[in-house]
Amino acid sequence: DRKEEMKEANIRRRLDAFLGEGLGYD
């Protein structure tokens, strides 16, 4: 669901899994 995937919370979920929890980014 592209609309769902583009929600910031879901993008952050992927980024957090990749980068590791606690790493700050914008």
mmCIF file of all heavy atoms, coordinates in Angstrom:
data_MODEL
# 
_entry.id   MODEL 
# 
loop_
_atom_site.group_PDB 
_atom_site.id 
_atom_site.type_symbol 
_atom_site.label_atom_id 
_atom_site.label_alt_id 
_atom_site.label_comp_id 
_atom_site.label_asym_id 
_atom_site.label_entity_id 
_atom_site.label_seq_id 
_atom_site.pdbx_PDB_ins_code 
_atom_site.Cartn_x 
_atom_site.Cartn_y 
_atom_site.Cartn_z 
_atom_site.occupancy 
_atom_site.B_iso_or_equiv 
_atom_site.pdbx_formal_charge 
_atom_site.auth_seq_id 
_atom_site.auth_comp_id 
_atom_site.auth_asym_id 
_atom_site.auth_atom_id 
_atom_site.pdbx_PDB_model_num 
ATOM 1   N N   . ASP A 1 1  ? 0.874  -1.175 0.000  1.00 0.00 ? 1  ASP A N   1 
ATOM 2   C CA  . ASP A 1 1  ? 0.000  0.000  0.000  1.00 0.00 ? 1  ASP A CA  1 
ATOM 3   C C   . ASP A 1 1  ? 0.909  1.222  0.000  1.00 0.00 ? 1  ASP A C   1 
ATOM 4   O O   . ASP A 1 1  ? 1.482  1.591  1.032  1.00 0.00 ? 1  ASP A O   1 
ATOM 5   C CB  . ASP A 1 1  ? -0.893 -0.031 1.235  1.00 0.00 ? 1  ASP A CB  1 
ATOM 6   C CG  . ASP A 1 1  ? -1.902 1.119  1.246  1.00 0.00 ? 1  ASP A CG  1 
ATOM 7   O OD1 . ASP A 1 1  ? -1.617 2.175  0.658  1.00 0.00 ? 1  ASP A OD1 1 
ATOM 8   O OD2 . ASP A 1 1  ? -2.964 0.959  1.877  1.00 0.00 ? 1  ASP A OD2 1 
ATOM 9   N N   . ARG A 1 2  ? 1.076  1.852  -1.155 1.00 0.00 ? 2  ARG A N   1 
ATOM 10  C CA  . ARG A 1 2  ? 2.040  2.946  -1.269 1.00 0.00 ? 2  ARG A CA  1 
ATOM 11  C C   . ARG A 1 2  ? 1.688  4.116  -0.348 1.00 0.00 ? 2  ARG A C   1 
ATOM 12  O O   . ARG A 1 2  ? 2.578  4.742  0.238  1.00 0.00 ? 2  ARG A O   1 
ATOM 13  C CB  . ARG A 1 2  ? 2.132  3.416  -2.720 1.00 0.00 ? 2  ARG A CB  1 
ATOM 14  C CG  . ARG A 1 2  ? 2.771  2.389  -3.640 1.00 0.00 ? 2  ARG A CG  1 
ATOM 15  C CD  . ARG A 1 2  ? 3.129  2.988  -4.981 1.00 0.00 ? 2  ARG A CD  1 
ATOM 16  N NE  . ARG A 1 2  ? 3.941  2.075  -5.764 1.00 0.00 ? 2  ARG A NE  1 
ATOM 17  C CZ  . ARG A 1 2  ? 4.756  2.453  -6.738 1.00 0.00 ? 2  ARG A CZ  1 
ATOM 18  N NH1 . ARG A 1 2  ? 4.853  3.728  -7.064 1.00 0.00 ? 2  ARG A NH1 1 
ATOM 19  N NH2 . ARG A 1 2  ? 5.461  1.564  -7.406 1.00 0.00 ? 2  ARG A NH2 1 
ATOM 20  N N   . LYS A 1 3  ? 0.425  4.417  -0.245 1.00 0.00 ? 3  LYS A N   1 
ATOM 21  C CA  . LYS A 1 3  ? 0.011  5.504  0.620  1.00 0.00 ? 3  LYS A CA  1 
ATOM 22  C C   . LYS A 1 3  ? 0.393  5.218  2.063  1.00 0.00 ? 3  LYS A C   1 
ATOM 23  O O   . LYS A 1 3  ? 0.859  6.096  2.802  1.00 0.00 ? 3  LYS A O   1 
ATOM 24  C CB  . LYS A 1 3  ? -1.496 5.723  0.489  1.00 0.00 ? 3  LYS A CB  1 
ATOM 25  C CG  . LYS A 1 3  ? -2.015 6.927  1.251  1.00 0.00 ? 3  LYS A CG  1 
ATOM 26  C CD  . LYS A 1 3  ? -3.514 7.131  0.999  1.00 0.00 ? 3  LYS A CD  1 
ATOM 27  C CE  . LYS A 1 3  ? -4.041 8.346  1.752  1.00 0.00 ? 3  LYS A CE  1 
ATOM 28  N NZ  . LYS A 1 3  ? -5.496 8.553  1.506  1.00 0.00 ? 3  LYS A NZ  1 
ATOM 29  N N   . GLU A 1 4  ? 0.204  3.959  2.463  1.00 0.00 ? 4  GLU A N   1 
ATOM 30  C CA  . GLU A 1 4  ? 0.547  3.560  3.831  1.00 0.00 ? 4  GLU A CA  1 
ATOM 31  C C   . GLU A 1 4  ? 2.061  3.596  4.042  1.00 0.00 ? 4  GLU A C   1 
ATOM 32  O O   . GLU A 1 4  ? 2.554  4.063  5.079  1.00 0.00 ? 4  GLU A O   1 
ATOM 33  C CB  . GLU A 1 4  ? 0.003  2.157  4.105  1.00 0.00 ? 4  GLU A CB  1 
ATOM 34  C CG  . GLU A 1 4  ? 0.044  1.727  5.563  1.00 0.00 ? 4  GLU A CG  1 
ATOM 35  C CD  . GLU A 1 4  ? -0.943 2.491  6.434  1.00 0.00 ? 4  GLU A CD  1 
ATOM 36  O OE1 . GLU A 1 4  ? -1.910 3.066  5.915  1.00 0.00 ? 4  GLU A OE1 1 
ATOM 37  O OE2 . GLU A 1 4  ? -0.718 2.518  7.665  1.00 0.00 ? 4  GLU A OE2 1 
ATOM 38  N N   . GLU A 1 5  ? 2.808  3.110  3.057  1.00 0.00 ? 5  GLU A N   1 
ATOM 39  C CA  . GLU A 1 5  ? 4.268  3.078  3.180  1.00 0.00 ? 5  GLU A CA  1 
ATOM 40  C C   . GLU A 1 5  ? 4.861  4.482  3.259  1.00 0.00 ? 5  GLU A C   1 
ATOM 41  O O   . GLU A 1 5  ? 5.923  4.687  3.838  1.00 0.00 ? 5  GLU A O   1 
ATOM 42  C CB  . GLU A 1 5  ? 4.877  2.332  1.989  1.00 0.00 ? 5  GLU A CB  1 
ATOM 43  C CG  . GLU A 1 5  ? 4.641  0.838  1.980  1.00 0.00 ? 5  GLU A CG  1 
ATOM 44  C CD  . GLU A 1 5  ? 5.418  0.115  3.069  1.00 0.00 ? 5  GLU A CD  1 
ATOM 45  O OE1 . GLU A 1 5  ? 6.360  0.704  3.635  1.00 0.00 ? 5  GLU A OE1 1 
ATOM 46  O OE2 . GLU A 1 5  ? 5.077  -1.052 3.357  1.00 0.00 ? 5  GLU A OE2 1 
ATOM 47  N N   . MET A 1 6  ? 4.189  5.467  2.658  1.00 0.00 ? 6  MET A N   1 
ATOM 48  C CA  . MET A 1 6  ? 4.715  6.828  2.628  1.00 0.00 ? 6  MET A CA  1 
ATOM 49  C C   . MET A 1 6  ? 4.417  7.611  3.910  1.00 0.00 ? 6  MET A C   1 
ATOM 50  O O   . MET A 1 6  ? 4.869  8.748  4.066  1.00 0.00 ? 6  MET A O   1 
ATOM 51  C CB  . MET A 1 6  ? 4.161  7.588  1.423  1.00 0.00 ? 6  MET A CB  1 
ATOM 52  C CG  . MET A 1 6  ? 4.818  7.207  0.107  1.00 0.00 ? 6  MET A CG  1 
ATOM 53  S SD  . MET A 1 6  ? 6.573  7.687  0.059  1.00 0.00 ? 6  MET A SD  1 
ATOM 54  C CE  . MET A 1 6  ? 6.421  9.479  0.013  1.00 0.00 ? 6  MET A CE  1 
ATOM 55  N N   . LYS A 1 7  ? 3.667  7.026  4.827  1.00 0.00 ? 7  LYS A N   1 
ATOM 56  C CA  . LYS A 1 7  ? 3.442  7.690  6.103  1.00 0.00 ? 7  LYS A CA  1 
ATOM 57  C C   . LYS A 1 7  ? 4.754  7.765  6.875  1.00 0.00 ? 7  LYS A C   1 
ATOM 58  O O   . LYS A 1 7  ? 5.523  6.798  6.907  1.00 0.00 ? 7  LYS A O   1 
ATOM 59  C CB  . LYS A 1 7  ? 2.390  6.940  6.923  1.00 0.00 ? 7  LYS A CB  1 
ATOM 60  C CG  . LYS A 1 7  ? 0.982  7.046  6.341  1.00 0.00 ? 7  LYS A CG  1 
ATOM 61  C CD  . LYS A 1 7  ? -0.023 6.300  7.202  1.00 0.00 ? 7  LYS A CD  1 
ATOM 62  C CE  . LYS A 1 7  ? -1.444 6.448  6.641  1.00 0.00 ? 7  LYS A CE  1 
ATOM 63  N NZ  . LYS A 1 7  ? -2.429 5.680  7.447  1.00 0.00 ? 7  LYS A NZ  1 
ATOM 64  N N   . GLU A 1 8  ? 5.011  8.903  7.503  1.00 0.00 ? 8  GLU A N   1 
ATOM 65  C CA  . GLU A 1 8  ? 6.299  9.110  8.176  1.00 0.00 ? 8  GLU A CA  1 
ATOM 66  C C   . GLU A 1 8  ? 6.580  8.028  9.218  1.00 0.00 ? 8  GLU A C   1 
ATOM 67  O O   . GLU A 1 8  ? 7.714  7.552  9.348  1.00 0.00 ? 8  GLU A O   1 
ATOM 68  C CB  . GLU A 1 8  ? 6.349  10.485 8.835  1.00 0.00 ? 8  GLU A CB  1 
ATOM 69  C CG  . GLU A 1 8  ? 7.690  10.747 9.503  1.00 0.00 ? 8  GLU A CG  1 
ATOM 70  C CD  . GLU A 1 8  ? 7.846  12.163 10.029 1.00 0.00 ? 8  GLU A CD  1 
ATOM 71  O OE1 . GLU A 1 8  ? 7.119  13.056 9.540  1.00 0.00 ? 8  GLU A OE1 1 
ATOM 72  O OE2 . GLU A 1 8  ? 8.694  12.362 10.918 1.00 0.00 ? 8  GLU A OE2 1 
ATOM 73  N N   . ALA A 1 9  ? 5.562  7.605  9.942  1.00 0.00 ? 9  ALA A N   1 
ATOM 74  C CA  . ALA A 1 9  ? 5.781  6.591  10.980 1.00 0.00 ? 9  ALA A CA  1 
ATOM 75  C C   . ALA A 1 9  ? 6.298  5.289  10.384 1.00 0.00 ? 9  ALA A C   1 
ATOM 76  O O   . ALA A 1 9  ? 7.172  4.623  10.973 1.00 0.00 ? 9  ALA A O   1 
ATOM 77  C CB  . ALA A 1 9  ? 4.479  6.344  11.741 1.00 0.00 ? 9  ALA A CB  1 
ATOM 78  N N   . ASN A 1 10 ? 5.793  4.919  9.215  1.00 0.00 ? 10 ASN A N   1 
ATOM 79  C CA  . ASN A 1 10 ? 6.241  3.671  8.593  1.00 0.00 ? 10 ASN A CA  1 
ATOM 80  C C   . ASN A 1 10 ? 7.626  3.820  7.968  1.00 0.00 ? 10 ASN A C   1 
ATOM 81  O O   . ASN A 1 10 ? 8.423  2.869  7.947  1.00 0.00 ? 10 ASN A O   1 
ATOM 82  C CB  . ASN A 1 10 ? 5.226  3.229  7.551  1.00 0.00 ? 10 ASN A CB  1 
ATOM 83  C CG  . ASN A 1 10 ? 3.933  2.753  8.194  1.00 0.00 ? 10 ASN A CG  1 
ATOM 84  O OD1 . ASN A 1 10 ? 3.956  2.140  9.262  1.00 0.00 ? 10 ASN A OD1 1 
ATOM 85  N ND2 . ASN A 1 10 ? 2.799  3.046  7.568  1.00 0.00 ? 10 ASN A ND2 1 
ATOM 86  N N   . ILE A 1 11 ? 7.919  4.997  7.435  1.00 0.00 ? 11 ILE A N   1 
ATOM 87  C CA  . ILE A 1 11 ? 9.279  5.232  6.929  1.00 0.00 ? 11 ILE A CA  1 
ATOM 88  C C   . ILE A 1 11 ? 10.275 5.157  8.084  1.00 0.00 ? 11 ILE A C   1 
ATOM 89  O O   . ILE A 1 11 ? 11.341 4.540  7.971  1.00 0.00 ? 11 ILE A O   1 
ATOM 90  C CB  . ILE A 1 11 ? 9.355  6.597  6.219  1.00 0.00 ? 11 ILE A CB  1 
ATOM 91  C CG1 . ILE A 1 11 ? 8.458  6.601  4.980  1.00 0.00 ? 11 ILE A CG1 1 
ATOM 92  C CG2 . ILE A 1 11 ? 10.798 6.916  5.829  1.00 0.00 ? 11 ILE A CG2 1 
ATOM 93  C CD1 . ILE A 1 11 ? 8.348  7.959  4.318  1.00 0.00 ? 11 ILE A CD1 1 
ATOM 94  N N   . ARG A 1 12 ? 9.915  5.775  9.210  1.00 0.00 ? 12 ARG A N   1 
ATOM 95  C CA  . ARG A 1 12 ? 10.801 5.736  10.374 1.00 0.00 ? 12 ARG A CA  1 
ATOM 96  C C   . ARG A 1 12 ? 10.976 4.312  10.907 1.00 0.00 ? 12 ARG A C   1 
ATOM 97  O O   . ARG A 1 12 ? 12.053 3.956  11.404 1.00 0.00 ? 12 ARG A O   1 
ATOM 98  C CB  . ARG A 1 12 ? 10.277 6.667  11.472 1.00 0.00 ? 12 ARG A CB  1 
ATOM 99  C CG  . ARG A 1 12 ? 10.479 8.143  11.155 1.00 0.00 ? 12 ARG A CG  1 
ATOM 100 C CD  . ARG A 1 12 ? 10.148 9.037  12.332 1.00 0.00 ? 12 ARG A CD  1 
ATOM 101 N NE  . ARG A 1 12 ? 10.455 10.425 12.031 1.00 0.00 ? 12 ARG A NE  1 
ATOM 102 C CZ  . ARG A 1 12 ? 11.669 10.975 12.172 1.00 0.00 ? 12 ARG A CZ  1 
ATOM 103 N NH1 . ARG A 1 12 ? 12.666 10.238 12.657 1.00 0.00 ? 12 ARG A NH1 1 
ATOM 104 N NH2 . ARG A 1 12 ? 11.875 12.241 11.869 1.00 0.00 ? 12 ARG A NH2 1 
ATOM 105 N N   . ARG A 1 13 ? 9.937  3.526  10.813 1.00 0.00 ? 13 ARG A N   1 
ATOM 106 C CA  . ARG A 1 13 ? 10.062 2.132  11.264 1.00 0.00 ? 13 ARG A CA  1 
ATOM 107 C C   . ARG A 1 13 ? 11.150 1.410  10.485 1.00 0.00 ? 13 ARG A C   1 
ATOM 108 O O   . ARG A 1 13 ? 11.977 0.691  11.064 1.00 0.00 ? 13 ARG A O   1 
ATOM 109 C CB  . ARG A 1 13 ? 8.709  1.420  11.103 1.00 0.00 ? 13 ARG A CB  1 
ATOM 110 C CG  . ARG A 1 13 ? 8.734  -0.078 11.405 1.00 0.00 ? 13 ARG A CG  1 
ATOM 111 C CD  . ARG A 1 13 ? 7.349  -0.688 11.249 1.00 0.00 ? 13 ARG A CD  1 
ATOM 112 N NE  . ARG A 1 13 ? 6.751  -0.415 9.952  1.00 0.00 ? 13 ARG A NE  1 
ATOM 113 C CZ  . ARG A 1 13 ? 7.069  -1.097 8.839  1.00 0.00 ? 13 ARG A CZ  1 
ATOM 114 N NH1 . ARG A 1 13 ? 7.967  -2.068 8.872  1.00 0.00 ? 13 ARG A NH1 1 
ATOM 115 N NH2 . ARG A 1 13 ? 6.452  -0.794 7.702  1.00 0.00 ? 13 ARG A NH2 1 
ATOM 116 N N   . ARG A 1 14 ? 11.164 1.603  9.186  1.00 0.00 ? 14 ARG A N   1 
ATOM 117 C CA  . ARG A 1 14 ? 12.205 0.967  8.363  1.00 0.00 ? 14 ARG A CA  1 
ATOM 118 C C   . ARG A 1 14 ? 13.585 1.557  8.665  1.00 0.00 ? 14 ARG A C   1 
ATOM 119 O O   . ARG A 1 14 ? 14.578 0.830  8.783  1.00 0.00 ? 14 ARG A O   1 
ATOM 120 C CB  . ARG A 1 14 ? 11.877 1.130  6.879  1.00 0.00 ? 14 ARG A CB  1 
ATOM 121 C CG  . ARG A 1 14 ? 10.666 0.324  6.417  1.00 0.00 ? 14 ARG A CG  1 
ATOM 122 C CD  . ARG A 1 14 ? 10.475 0.431  4.916  1.00 0.00 ? 14 ARG A CD  1 
ATOM 123 N NE  . ARG A 1 14 ? 9.286  -0.268 4.470  1.00 0.00 ? 14 ARG A NE  1 
ATOM 124 C CZ  . ARG A 1 14 ? 9.227  -1.581 4.219  1.00 0.00 ? 14 ARG A CZ  1 
ATOM 125 N NH1 . ARG A 1 14 ? 10.305 -2.332 4.385  1.00 0.00 ? 14 ARG A NH1 1 
ATOM 126 N NH2 . ARG A 1 14 ? 8.093  -2.137 3.816  1.00 0.00 ? 14 ARG A NH2 1 
ATOM 127 N N   . LEU A 1 15 ? 13.645 2.878  8.774  1.00 0.00 ? 15 LEU A N   1 
ATOM 128 C CA  . LEU A 1 15 ? 14.928 3.527  9.046  1.00 0.00 ? 15 LEU A CA  1 
ATOM 129 C C   . LEU A 1 15 ? 15.486 3.115  10.408 1.00 0.00 ? 15 LEU A C   1 
ATOM 130 O O   . LEU A 1 15 ? 16.698 2.860  10.541 1.00 0.00 ? 15 LEU A O   1 
ATOM 131 C CB  . LEU A 1 15 ? 14.767 5.042  8.965  1.00 0.00 ? 15 LEU A CB  1 
ATOM 132 C CG  . LEU A 1 15 ? 14.585 5.622  7.559  1.00 0.00 ? 15 LEU A CG  1 
ATOM 133 C CD1 . LEU A 1 15 ? 14.130 7.084  7.638  1.00 0.00 ? 15 LEU A CD1 1 
ATOM 134 C CD2 . LEU A 1 15 ? 15.874 5.514  6.755  1.00 0.00 ? 15 LEU A CD2 1 
ATOM 135 N N   . ASP A 1 16 ? 14.630 3.038  11.417 1.00 0.00 ? 16 ASP A N   1 
ATOM 136 C CA  . ASP A 1 16 ? 15.090 2.651  12.748 1.00 0.00 ? 16 ASP A CA  1 
ATOM 137 C C   . ASP A 1 16 ? 15.616 1.227  12.757 1.00 0.00 ? 16 ASP A C   1 
ATOM 138 O O   . ASP A 1 16 ? 16.619 0.913  13.416 1.00 0.00 ? 16 ASP A O   1 
ATOM 139 C CB  . ASP A 1 16 ? 13.965 2.802  13.773 1.00 0.00 ? 16 ASP A CB  1 
ATOM 140 C CG  . ASP A 1 16 ? 13.615 4.259  14.046 1.00 0.00 ? 16 ASP A CG  1 
ATOM 141 O OD1 . ASP A 1 16 ? 14.435 5.141  13.707 1.00 0.00 ? 16 ASP A OD1 1 
ATOM 142 O OD2 . ASP A 1 16 ? 12.510 4.515  14.582 1.00 0.00 ? 16 ASP A OD2 1 
ATOM 143 N N   . ALA A 1 17 ? 14.943 0.348  12.024 1.00 0.00 ? 17 ALA A N   1 
ATOM 144 C CA  . ALA A 1 17 ? 15.413 -1.038 11.942 1.00 0.00 ? 17 ALA A CA  1 
ATOM 145 C C   . ALA A 1 17 ? 16.776 -1.113 11.259 1.00 0.00 ? 17 ALA A C   1 
ATOM 146 O O   . ALA A 1 17 ? 17.630 -1.929 11.626 1.00 0.00 ? 17 ALA A O   1 
ATOM 147 C CB  . ALA A 1 17 ? 14.399 -1.886 11.179 1.00 0.00 ? 17 ALA A CB  1 
ATOM 148 N N   . PHE A 1 18 ? 16.989 -0.245 10.280 1.00 0.00 ? 18 PHE A N   1 
ATOM 149 C CA  . PHE A 1 18 ? 18.251 -0.230 9.533  1.00 0.00 ? 18 PHE A CA  1 
ATOM 150 C C   . PHE A 1 18 ? 19.369 0.453  10.322 1.00 0.00 ? 18 PHE A C   1 
ATOM 151 O O   . PHE A 1 18 ? 20.483 -0.071 10.451 1.00 0.00 ? 18 PHE A O   1 
ATOM 152 C CB  . PHE A 1 18 ? 18.032 0.482  8.197  1.00 0.00 ? 18 PHE A CB  1 
ATOM 153 C CG  . PHE A 1 18 ? 19.276 0.751  7.419  1.00 0.00 ? 18 PHE A CG  1 
ATOM 154 C CD1 . PHE A 1 18 ? 20.160 -0.269 7.091  1.00 0.00 ? 18 PHE A CD1 1 
ATOM 155 C CD2 . PHE A 1 18 ? 19.580 2.039  6.995  1.00 0.00 ? 18 PHE A CD2 1 
ATOM 156 C CE1 . PHE A 1 18 ? 21.316 -0.020 6.363  1.00 0.00 ? 18 PHE A CE1 1 
ATOM 157 C CE2 . PHE A 1 18 ? 20.724 2.296  6.264  1.00 0.00 ? 18 PHE A CE2 1 
ATOM 158 C CZ  . PHE A 1 18 ? 21.595 1.265  5.949  1.00 0.00 ? 18 PHE A CZ  1 
ATOM 159 N N   . LEU A 1 19 ? 19.088 1.618  10.877 1.00 0.00 ? 19 LEU A N   1 
ATOM 160 C CA  . LEU A 1 19 ? 20.120 2.426  11.530 1.00 0.00 ? 19 LEU A CA  1 
ATOM 161 C C   . LEU A 1 19 ? 20.347 2.053  12.981 1.00 0.00 ? 19 LEU A C   1 
ATOM 162 O O   . LEU A 1 19 ? 21.424 2.306  13.537 1.00 0.00 ? 19 LEU A O   1 
ATOM 163 C CB  . LEU A 1 19 ? 19.741 3.908  11.453 1.00 0.00 ? 19 LEU A CB  1 
ATOM 164 C CG  . LEU A 1 19 ? 19.624 4.504  10.047 1.00 0.00 ? 19 LEU A CG  1 
ATOM 165 C CD1 . LEU A 1 19 ? 19.000 5.897  10.117 1.00 0.00 ? 19 LEU A CD1 1 
ATOM 166 C CD2 . LEU A 1 19 ? 20.979 4.563  9.362  1.00 0.00 ? 19 LEU A CD2 1 
ATOM 167 N N   . GLY A 1 20 ? 19.343 1.467  13.595 1.00 0.00 ? 20 GLY A N   1 
ATOM 168 C CA  . GLY A 1 20 ? 19.423 1.181  15.016 1.00 0.00 ? 20 GLY A CA  1 
ATOM 169 C C   . GLY A 1 20 ? 18.661 2.219  15.825 1.00 0.00 ? 20 GLY A C   1 
ATOM 170 O O   . GLY A 1 20 ? 18.607 3.399  15.465 1.00 0.00 ? 20 GLY A O   1 
ATOM 171 N N   . GLU A 1 21 ? 18.068 1.798  16.896 1.00 0.00 ? 21 GLU A N   1 
ATOM 172 C CA  . GLU A 1 21 ? 17.280 2.697  17.739 1.00 0.00 ? 21 GLU A CA  1 
ATOM 173 C C   . GLU A 1 21 ? 18.193 3.764  18.362 1.00 0.00 ? 21 GLU A C   1 
ATOM 174 O O   . GLU A 1 21 ? 19.351 3.512  18.685 1.00 0.00 ? 21 GLU A O   1 
ATOM 175 C CB  . GLU A 1 21 ? 16.586 1.899  18.853 1.00 0.00 ? 21 GLU A CB  1 
ATOM 176 C CG  . GLU A 1 21 ? 15.544 0.913  18.350 1.00 0.00 ? 21 GLU A CG  1 
ATOM 177 C CD  . GLU A 1 21 ? 14.270 1.603  17.907 1.00 0.00 ? 21 GLU A CD  1 
ATOM 178 O OE1 . GLU A 1 21 ? 14.116 2.806  18.202 1.00 0.00 ? 21 GLU A OE1 1 
ATOM 179 O OE2 . GLU A 1 21 ? 13.420 0.934  17.275 1.00 0.00 ? 21 GLU A OE2 1 
ATOM 180 N N   . GLY A 1 22 ? 17.623 4.943  18.521 1.00 0.00 ? 22 GLY A N   1 
ATOM 181 C CA  . GLY A 1 22 ? 18.329 5.990  19.244 1.00 0.00 ? 22 GLY A CA  1 
ATOM 182 C C   . GLY A 1 22 ? 19.165 6.923  18.393 1.00 0.00 ? 22 GLY A C   1 
ATOM 183 O O   . GLY A 1 22 ? 19.659 7.934  18.899 1.00 0.00 ? 22 GLY A O   1 
ATOM 184 N N   . LEU A 1 23 ? 19.346 6.605  17.117 1.00 0.00 ? 23 LEU A N   1 
ATOM 185 C CA  . LEU A 1 23 ? 20.125 7.477  16.244 1.00 0.00 ? 23 LEU A CA  1 
ATOM 186 C C   . LEU A 1 23 ? 19.217 8.580  15.697 1.00 0.00 ? 23 LEU A C   1 
ATOM 187 O O   . LEU A 1 23 ? 18.205 8.310  15.059 1.00 0.00 ? 23 LEU A O   1 
ATOM 188 C CB  . LEU A 1 23 ? 20.726 6.671  15.086 1.00 0.00 ? 23 LEU A CB  1 
ATOM 189 C CG  . LEU A 1 23 ? 21.624 7.453  14.135 1.00 0.00 ? 23 LEU A CG  1 
ATOM 190 C CD1 . LEU A 1 23 ? 22.853 7.972  14.866 1.00 0.00 ? 23 LEU A CD1 1 
ATOM 191 C CD2 . LEU A 1 23 ? 22.062 6.559  12.977 1.00 0.00 ? 23 LEU A CD2 1 
ATOM 192 N N   . GLY A 1 24 ? 19.568 9.825  15.983 1.00 0.00 ? 24 GLY A N   1 
ATOM 193 C CA  . GLY A 1 24 ? 18.728 10.927 15.564 1.00 0.00 ? 24 GLY A CA  1 
ATOM 194 C C   . GLY A 1 24 ? 18.896 11.277 14.098 1.00 0.00 ? 24 GLY A C   1 
ATOM 195 O O   . GLY A 1 24 ? 20.013 11.256 13.560 1.00 0.00 ? 24 GLY A O   1 
ATOM 196 N N   . TYR A 1 25 ? 17.802 11.588 13.436 1.00 0.00 ? 25 TYR A N   1 
ATOM 197 C CA  . TYR A 1 25 ? 17.843 11.997 12.030 1.00 0.00 ? 25 TYR A CA  1 
ATOM 198 C C   . TYR A 1 25 ? 16.562 12.740 11.700 1.00 0.00 ? 25 TYR A C   1 
ATOM 199 O O   . TYR A 1 25 ? 15.559 12.636 12.407 1.00 0.00 ? 25 TYR A O   1 
ATOM 200 C CB  . TYR A 1 25 ? 18.001 10.785 11.105 1.00 0.00 ? 25 TYR A CB  1 
ATOM 201 C CG  . TYR A 1 25 ? 16.905 9.766  11.232 1.00 0.00 ? 25 TYR A CG  1 
ATOM 202 C CD1 . TYR A 1 25 ? 15.699 9.900  10.532 1.00 0.00 ? 25 TYR A CD1 1 
ATOM 203 C CD2 . TYR A 1 25 ? 17.058 8.656  12.064 1.00 0.00 ? 25 TYR A CD2 1 
ATOM 204 C CE1 . TYR A 1 25 ? 14.682 8.965  10.668 1.00 0.00 ? 25 TYR A CE1 1 
ATOM 205 C CE2 . TYR A 1 25 ? 16.045 7.717  12.196 1.00 0.00 ? 25 TYR A CE2 1 
ATOM 206 C CZ  . TYR A 1 25 ? 14.863 7.878  11.501 1.00 0.00 ? 25 TYR A CZ  1 
ATOM 207 O OH  . TYR A 1 25 ? 13.862 6.965  11.640 1.00 0.00 ? 25 TYR A OH  1 
ATOM 208 N N   . ASP A 1 26 ? 16.601 13.488 10.621 1.00 0.00 ? 26 ASP A N   1 
ATOM 209 C CA  . ASP A 1 26 ? 15.421 14.174 10.101 1.00 0.00 ? 26 ASP A CA  1 
ATOM 210 C C   . ASP A 1 26 ? 15.155 13.676 8.688  1.00 0.00 ? 26 ASP A C   1 
ATOM 211 O O   . ASP A 1 26 ? 16.082 13.590 7.871  1.00 0.00 ? 26 ASP A O   1 
ATOM 212 C CB  . ASP A 1 26 ? 15.633 15.694 10.066 1.00 0.00 ? 26 ASP A CB  1 
ATOM 213 C CG  . ASP A 1 26 ? 15.799 16.294 11.450 1.00 0.00 ? 26 ASP A CG  1 
ATOM 214 O OD1 . ASP A 1 26 ? 14.995 15.951 12.328 1.00 0.00 ? 26 ASP A OD1 1 
ATOM 215 O OD2 . ASP A 1 26 ? 16.742 17.094 11.641 1.00 0.00 ? 26 ASP A OD2 1 
# 
